[in-house]
Amino acid sequence: MSRKFSITRRHTLMTLALACAGMAQGTGHAQGYPDKALTFIVPFAAGSATDQLARALGQSITQQTGQAVVVDNKAGASGMLAAQHVAKAVPDGHTVLITTNTTHAANEHLFKKLSYDPVKDFSPITGLGKGGQVLVVRTQAPYGSVMDLIAAVKKEPGKLSFGSGSSSSRMAGEMFKQLTGADILHVPYKSNPSAVTDLLAGQIDLMITDTATGLPQIQAGKLKALGVSTTQRSTLLPEVPTIAEAGVPGYDMGYWFAAYTPAGTPPQVSQQLRALLVKATQSPAAQAFFTRSGVMAWTSTPEELAQFQAEETAKWGQVIRAAGIAPE
């Protein structure tokens, strides 16, 4: 991906592309869509929040259309494997990227070169949800609060480590380091569930993970929640303070889900896919996911998603630069 385009120019290109697509409505053939199985490409491992949402949405779309929905987990490379696969797929609406801010807002600031362009290679379809994260340690860890953890880190700088399996999780940890002055080693993983597995095994000391991944371990008594990453407490963990109120003023790091197809998807197909996805977010399976994970359902028009993506890309760039992270 060329990095010479400014966020403003990139958003202008997307807006023009959407407008041109609208004028070309007569060129697509959406009759009978979908006329075969759909494939949802997920950038993270099975069991991740994105995977759980994709499967819930897929179940609803199968019920709506009678067509199967295959969920294909292409974890690794910070979501680049999945994004690249969808960018090169046939733009007929049957290959859909169910993704997050990792691939479409953060990666272009974290890597010098991407194997895909998060704007030019995709047709935005709709937002899907917005959620928060939770700071967790093993239940037996000697930290009863965020301040206890900070004190332990400052007593032995560089001794403790945090894991992350997504850019949201990583940046949540980096922001924690930045705002507290804590020296904590970062350990990357392909997905948050993999990092949680090592956290439970004692290979790392803490992580800030999406609530959908962390909550089952918290409820099972295997992990201890010290704080939530958003500015408001989670309805699923009402007794857990926000990281900001627990002693780190200004802390706020959430994440979002959205759906994209390859650039060039016919407008009629995009419209029908969006309608299916919007209805799917209201299905019992999706609502169950939102309830158990603390994620808020959020849908949008393609134009609204393009604008939101541009704003989020700028925001994530600011956070990453402030954390002193050089592109890899």
Protein backbone atom coordinates (compact mmCIF):
# COMPACT_ATOMS: atom_id res chain seq x y z
CA MET A 1 0.00 0.00 0.00
CA SER A 2 1.29 3.41 -0.87
CA ARG A 3 1.55 5.58 2.21
CA LYS A 4 1.69 8.85 0.32
CA PHE A 5 -2.05 9.38 0.42
CA SER A 6 -3.28 11.48 3.31
CA ILE A 7 -6.28 10.32 5.33
CA THR A 8 -8.33 13.12 3.75
CA ARG A 9 -7.38 12.18 0.21
CA ARG A 10 -7.99 8.50 0.92
CA HIS A 11 -11.44 9.28 2.24
CA THR A 12 -12.12 11.43 -0.83
CA LEU A 13 -11.15 8.52 -3.05
CA MET A 14 -13.53 6.23 -1.19
CA THR A 15 -16.36 8.77 -1.40
CA LEU A 16 -15.82 9.12 -5.16
CA ALA A 17 -15.71 5.36 -5.57
CA LEU A 18 -18.99 5.00 -3.72
CA ALA A 19 -20.57 7.72 -5.84
CA CYS A 20 -19.38 6.10 -9.06
CA ALA A 21 -20.69 2.76 -7.86
CA GLY A 22 -24.08 4.35 -7.26
CA MET A 23 -24.18 5.69 -10.83
CA ALA A 24 -23.33 2.25 -12.16
CA GLN A 25 -26.24 0.42 -10.53
CA GLY A 26 -27.47 -0.84 -13.87
CA THR A 27 -24.30 -2.82 -14.52
CA GLY A 28 -24.65 -5.37 -11.71
CA HIS A 29 -26.77 -8.50 -11.66
CA ALA A 30 -28.04 -9.05 -8.13
CA GLN A 31 -31.09 -11.14 -9.03
CA GLY A 32 -31.16 -14.23 -6.88
CA TYR A 33 -28.32 -13.07 -4.61
CA PRO A 34 -26.97 -15.00 -2.87
CA ASP A 35 -27.13 -17.89 -5.32
CA LYS A 36 -24.47 -20.02 -3.61
CA ALA A 37 -22.76 -20.41 -0.26
CA LEU A 38 -21.18 -17.30 1.29
CA THR A 39 -17.75 -17.32 2.89
CA PHE A 40 -17.08 -15.10 5.88
CA ILE A 41 -13.33 -14.52 6.20
CA VAL A 42 -12.30 -13.82 9.80
CA PRO A 43 -8.81 -12.42 10.56
CA PHE A 44 -8.61 -14.11 13.96
CA ALA A 45 -8.77 -17.61 15.40
CA ALA A 46 -11.86 -19.62 16.22
CA GLY A 47 -13.26 -18.53 19.57
CA SER A 48 -12.24 -14.89 19.18
CA ALA A 49 -14.92 -12.21 19.48
CA THR A 50 -14.85 -11.60 15.72
CA ASP A 51 -15.28 -15.32 15.08
CA GLN A 52 -18.19 -15.56 17.50
CA LEU A 53 -19.96 -12.64 15.83
CA ALA A 54 -19.31 -13.98 12.32
CA ARG A 55 -20.84 -17.34 13.21
CA ALA A 56 -23.89 -15.71 14.77
CA LEU A 57 -24.42 -13.53 11.70
CA GLY A 58 -23.85 -16.47 9.38
CA GLN A 59 -26.47 -18.53 11.16
CA SER A 60 -29.04 -15.79 10.61
CA ILE A 61 -28.15 -15.30 6.95
CA THR A 62 -28.55 -19.04 6.34
CA GLN A 63 -31.98 -18.85 7.91
CA GLN A 64 -32.85 -15.81 5.78
CA THR A 65 -31.61 -17.15 2.45
CA GLY A 66 -31.28 -20.92 2.69
CA GLN A 67 -27.64 -20.59 1.62
CA ALA A 68 -24.81 -21.95 3.74
CA VAL A 69 -22.31 -19.54 5.30
CA VAL A 70 -18.80 -20.89 5.76
CA VAL A 71 -16.64 -19.15 8.37
CA ASP A 72 -12.98 -19.30 7.33
CA ASN A 73 -10.51 -18.27 10.04
CA LYS A 74 -7.31 -16.89 8.50
CA ALA A 75 -5.47 -15.84 11.63
CA GLY A 76 -2.02 -14.32 11.66
CA ALA A 77 0.02 -11.34 10.48
CA SER A 78 -2.26 -8.95 12.37
CA GLY A 79 -5.16 -9.77 10.10
CA MET A 80 -3.25 -9.17 6.88
CA LEU A 81 -3.67 -12.73 5.60
CA ALA A 82 -7.45 -12.46 5.78
CA ALA A 83 -7.62 -8.93 4.38
CA GLN A 84 -5.35 -9.78 1.45
CA HIS A 85 -7.42 -12.87 0.66
CA VAL A 86 -10.65 -10.87 0.49
CA ALA A 87 -9.05 -8.02 -1.45
CA LYS A 88 -8.16 -10.51 -4.21
CA ALA A 89 -11.46 -12.42 -4.17
CA VAL A 90 -14.11 -12.24 -6.89
CA PRO A 91 -16.25 -9.15 -6.11
CA ASP A 92 -19.62 -10.89 -6.30
CA GLY A 93 -20.67 -10.48 -2.67
CA HIS A 94 -20.08 -14.11 -1.75
CA THR A 95 -16.75 -13.46 0.01
CA VAL A 96 -17.14 -11.15 3.00
CA LEU A 97 -14.51 -9.88 5.43
CA ILE A 98 -15.88 -9.75 8.98
CA THR A 99 -13.19 -7.67 10.60
CA THR A 100 -12.21 -4.99 13.09
CA ASN A 101 -10.21 -1.81 13.44
CA THR A 102 -7.10 -4.01 13.35
CA THR A 103 -7.15 -4.43 9.56
CA HIS A 104 -8.98 -1.23 8.66
CA ALA A 105 -7.63 1.47 10.97
CA ALA A 106 -4.52 0.38 12.86
CA ASN A 107 -2.41 -1.75 10.54
CA GLU A 108 -1.39 1.00 8.15
CA HIS A 109 0.27 2.75 11.12
CA LEU A 110 1.82 -0.43 12.52
CA PHE A 111 3.45 -1.72 9.33
CA LYS A 112 5.62 -0.01 6.74
CA LYS A 113 4.01 -2.01 3.95
CA LEU A 114 0.67 -3.79 3.77
CA SER A 115 -0.33 -6.54 1.36
CA TYR A 116 -3.65 -4.75 0.85
CA ASP A 117 -5.02 -1.20 0.80
CA PRO A 118 -7.70 -0.82 3.51
CA VAL A 119 -9.54 1.81 1.43
CA LYS A 120 -9.03 1.14 -2.27
CA ASP A 121 -9.22 -2.67 -2.10
CA PHE A 122 -12.61 -2.90 -0.37
CA SER A 123 -16.28 -1.98 -0.63
CA PRO A 124 -17.56 -1.00 2.82
CA ILE A 125 -20.89 -2.68 3.64
CA THR A 126 -21.91 -1.88 7.22
CA GLY A 127 -20.69 -1.51 10.76
CA LEU A 128 -21.62 -4.43 13.01
CA GLY A 129 -20.77 -3.60 16.61
CA LYS A 130 -18.66 -1.66 19.11
CA GLY A 131 -17.15 -3.11 22.26
CA GLY A 132 -14.73 -2.76 25.14
CA GLN A 133 -11.87 -4.72 26.68
CA VAL A 134 -10.88 -5.91 30.14
CA LEU A 135 -7.53 -5.97 31.96
CA VAL A 136 -7.02 -9.48 33.32
CA VAL A 137 -4.43 -11.38 35.36
CA ARG A 138 -4.41 -14.91 36.73
CA THR A 139 -6.65 -15.39 39.75
CA GLN A 140 -3.67 -16.30 41.92
CA ALA A 141 -1.68 -13.20 40.87
CA PRO A 142 -0.84 -10.93 43.84
CA TYR A 143 -2.57 -7.89 42.33
CA GLY A 144 -5.94 -6.90 43.70
CA SER A 145 -6.28 -3.69 41.74
CA VAL A 146 -4.89 -1.68 38.86
CA MET A 147 -2.78 0.34 41.29
CA ASP A 148 -1.35 -2.87 42.81
CA LEU A 149 -0.30 -3.94 39.32
CA ILE A 150 1.27 -0.57 38.54
CA ALA A 151 3.19 -0.66 41.83
CA ALA A 152 4.51 -4.16 41.05
CA VAL A 153 5.62 -3.13 37.56
CA LYS A 154 7.41 -0.03 38.83
CA LYS A 155 9.11 -2.03 41.55
CA GLU A 156 10.63 -4.37 38.95
CA PRO A 157 10.63 -2.60 35.57
CA GLY A 158 10.65 -4.90 32.55
CA LYS A 159 9.94 -8.06 34.53
CA LEU A 160 6.23 -8.43 33.73
CA SER A 161 4.84 -9.09 30.25
CA PHE A 162 1.54 -8.53 28.49
CA GLY A 163 0.17 -10.48 25.55
CA SER A 164 -1.99 -9.36 22.66
CA GLY A 165 -3.58 -11.07 19.69
CA SER A 166 -5.07 -8.04 17.95
CA SER A 167 -4.15 -4.41 17.41
CA SER A 168 -6.93 -3.38 19.82
CA SER A 169 -5.44 -5.55 22.54
CA ARG A 170 -1.91 -4.42 21.79
CA MET A 171 -2.75 -0.74 21.73
CA ALA A 172 -4.75 -1.11 24.94
CA GLY A 173 -1.56 -2.40 26.55
CA GLU A 174 0.60 0.26 24.94
CA MET A 175 -1.74 3.01 26.10
CA PHE A 176 -1.62 1.55 29.62
CA LYS A 177 2.19 1.70 29.50
CA GLN A 178 2.13 5.22 28.10
CA LEU A 179 -0.25 6.66 30.70
CA THR A 180 1.34 4.93 33.68
CA GLY A 181 5.00 5.01 32.72
CA ALA A 182 5.11 1.25 33.29
CA ASP A 183 7.83 -0.85 31.65
CA ILE A 184 6.03 -4.03 30.51
CA LEU A 185 7.29 -6.40 27.80
CA HIS A 186 4.91 -6.97 24.87
CA VAL A 187 4.46 -10.53 23.59
CA PRO A 188 2.52 -10.84 20.29
CA TYR A 189 0.09 -13.67 19.48
CA LYS A 190 -1.97 -14.65 16.45
CA SER A 191 -5.21 -14.18 18.38
CA ASN A 192 -6.46 -13.21 21.82
CA PRO A 193 -7.59 -16.75 22.74
CA SER A 194 -4.01 -17.94 22.19
CA ALA A 195 -2.72 -15.18 24.48
CA VAL A 196 -5.29 -16.09 27.13
CA THR A 197 -4.11 -19.70 26.99
CA ASP A 198 -0.54 -18.60 27.75
CA LEU A 199 -1.76 -16.22 30.44
CA LEU A 200 -3.53 -19.11 32.18
CA ALA A 201 -0.34 -21.17 31.85
CA GLY A 202 1.78 -18.40 33.39
CA GLN A 203 3.78 -17.69 30.24
CA ILE A 204 2.72 -14.02 30.36
CA ASP A 205 1.52 -11.93 33.29
CA LEU A 206 -1.41 -9.87 32.03
CA MET A 207 -3.37 -8.75 29.00
CA ILE A 208 -6.14 -6.42 28.01
CA THR A 209 -8.47 -8.54 25.91
CA ASP A 210 -11.89 -8.17 24.35
CA THR A 211 -14.63 -8.91 26.88
CA ALA A 212 -16.03 -11.76 24.78
CA THR A 213 -12.74 -13.66 25.09
CA GLY A 214 -11.96 -12.77 28.70
CA LEU A 215 -15.38 -13.07 30.32
CA PRO A 216 -15.71 -16.89 30.26
CA GLN A 217 -12.37 -17.25 32.06
CA ILE A 218 -13.36 -14.57 34.56
CA GLN A 219 -16.67 -16.28 35.24
CA ALA A 220 -14.87 -19.63 35.61
CA GLY A 221 -12.64 -18.10 38.28
CA LYS A 222 -9.46 -18.62 36.25
CA LEU A 223 -8.79 -14.94 35.54
CA LYS A 224 -9.24 -11.84 37.66
CA ALA A 225 -10.55 -8.62 36.14
CA LEU A 226 -8.82 -5.46 37.37
CA GLY A 227 -10.41 -2.87 35.07
CA VAL A 228 -12.37 -2.30 31.87
CA SER A 229 -10.96 -0.26 29.01
CA THR A 230 -13.91 2.01 28.20
CA THR A 231 -15.06 5.17 29.97
CA GLN A 232 -18.15 3.42 31.34
CA ARG A 233 -18.32 0.23 33.37
CA SER A 234 -19.41 -2.92 31.58
CA THR A 235 -22.93 -4.15 32.27
CA LEU A 236 -21.42 -7.65 32.35
CA LEU A 237 -18.83 -6.69 35.00
CA PRO A 238 -20.56 -3.92 36.95
CA GLU A 239 -18.34 -4.41 40.00
CA VAL A 240 -15.14 -3.91 37.97
CA PRO A 241 -14.02 -0.26 37.74
CA THR A 242 -12.90 1.36 34.53
CA ILE A 243 -9.12 1.56 34.21
CA ALA A 244 -9.52 5.34 34.29
CA GLU A 245 -11.38 5.39 37.60
CA ALA A 246 -9.04 2.73 39.00
CA GLY A 247 -6.14 5.18 38.80
CA VAL A 248 -5.25 5.86 35.17
CA PRO A 249 -7.06 9.10 34.18
CA GLY A 250 -7.82 9.51 30.48
CA TYR A 251 -7.65 5.81 29.67
CA ASP A 252 -10.11 4.76 26.93
CA MET A 253 -9.57 2.05 24.30
CA GLY A 254 -12.45 0.22 22.61
CA TYR A 255 -12.82 -1.64 19.32
CA TRP A 256 -15.31 -2.15 16.50
CA PHE A 257 -16.51 -4.73 13.99
CA ALA A 258 -17.50 -4.13 10.36
CA ALA A 259 -18.15 -5.98 7.10
CA TYR A 260 -16.36 -5.40 3.79
CA THR A 261 -16.33 -7.06 0.37
CA PRO A 262 -13.75 -6.75 -2.43
CA ALA A 263 -13.70 -3.44 -4.29
CA GLY A 264 -15.93 -3.52 -7.34
CA THR A 265 -18.79 -5.40 -5.72
CA PRO A 266 -21.96 -4.41 -7.66
CA PRO A 267 -24.02 -1.82 -5.74
CA GLN A 268 -27.18 -3.95 -5.83
CA VAL A 269 -25.29 -6.85 -4.28
CA SER A 270 -23.80 -4.59 -1.62
CA GLN A 271 -27.27 -3.30 -0.80
CA GLN A 272 -28.72 -6.79 -0.47
CA LEU A 273 -25.78 -8.02 1.60
CA ARG A 274 -26.08 -5.00 3.88
CA ALA A 275 -29.80 -5.69 4.37
CA LEU A 276 -29.03 -9.31 5.28
CA LEU A 277 -26.33 -8.28 7.75
CA VAL A 278 -28.41 -5.55 9.37
CA LYS A 279 -31.24 -8.03 9.90
CA ALA A 280 -28.72 -10.59 11.16
CA THR A 281 -27.52 -8.22 13.91
CA GLN A 282 -31.07 -8.34 15.26
CA SER A 283 -31.24 -12.15 15.27
CA PRO A 284 -31.38 -14.13 18.55
CA ALA A 285 -27.89 -15.56 17.93
CA ALA A 286 -26.33 -12.13 17.38
CA GLN A 287 -28.22 -10.58 20.26
CA ALA A 288 -26.97 -13.40 22.49
CA PHE A 289 -23.41 -12.59 21.40
CA PHE A 290 -23.90 -8.87 22.09
CA THR A 291 -25.37 -9.62 25.50
CA ARG A 292 -22.70 -12.05 26.66
CA SER A 293 -19.80 -10.00 25.28
CA GLY A 294 -20.92 -6.50 26.23
CA VAL A 295 -20.76 -5.42 22.59
CA MET A 296 -23.24 -2.84 21.33
CA ALA A 297 -24.89 -3.56 17.99
CA TRP A 298 -24.00 -0.86 15.47
CA THR A 299 -24.96 -0.72 11.81
CA SER A 300 -24.31 1.93 9.16
CA THR A 301 -24.59 2.78 5.51
CA PRO A 302 -21.50 2.14 3.35
CA GLU A 303 -20.87 5.89 3.22
CA GLU A 304 -21.09 6.18 7.01
CA LEU A 305 -18.69 3.28 7.44
CA ALA A 306 -16.20 4.87 5.01
CA GLN A 307 -16.33 8.14 6.96
CA PHE A 308 -16.05 6.36 10.32
CA GLN A 309 -13.09 4.32 9.05
CA ALA A 310 -11.29 7.49 7.97
CA GLU A 311 -11.82 9.08 11.39
CA GLU A 312 -10.74 5.94 13.23
CA THR A 313 -7.64 5.58 11.05
CA ALA A 314 -6.58 9.09 12.03
CA LYS A 315 -7.29 8.41 15.72
CA TRP A 316 -5.37 5.14 15.79
CA GLY A 317 -2.44 6.82 14.07
CA GLN A 318 -2.30 9.41 16.86
CA VAL A 319 -2.41 6.72 19.57
CA ILE A 320 0.29 4.63 17.91
CA ARG A 321 2.61 7.58 17.40
CA ALA A 322 2.07 8.75 20.98
CA ALA A 323 3.01 5.26 22.17
CA GLY A 324 6.29 5.59 20.23
CA ILE A 325 5.64 2.52 18.09
CA ALA A 326 7.61 2.55 14.86
CA PRO A 327 6.07 0.74 11.89
CA GLU A 328 7.51 -2.75 11.47
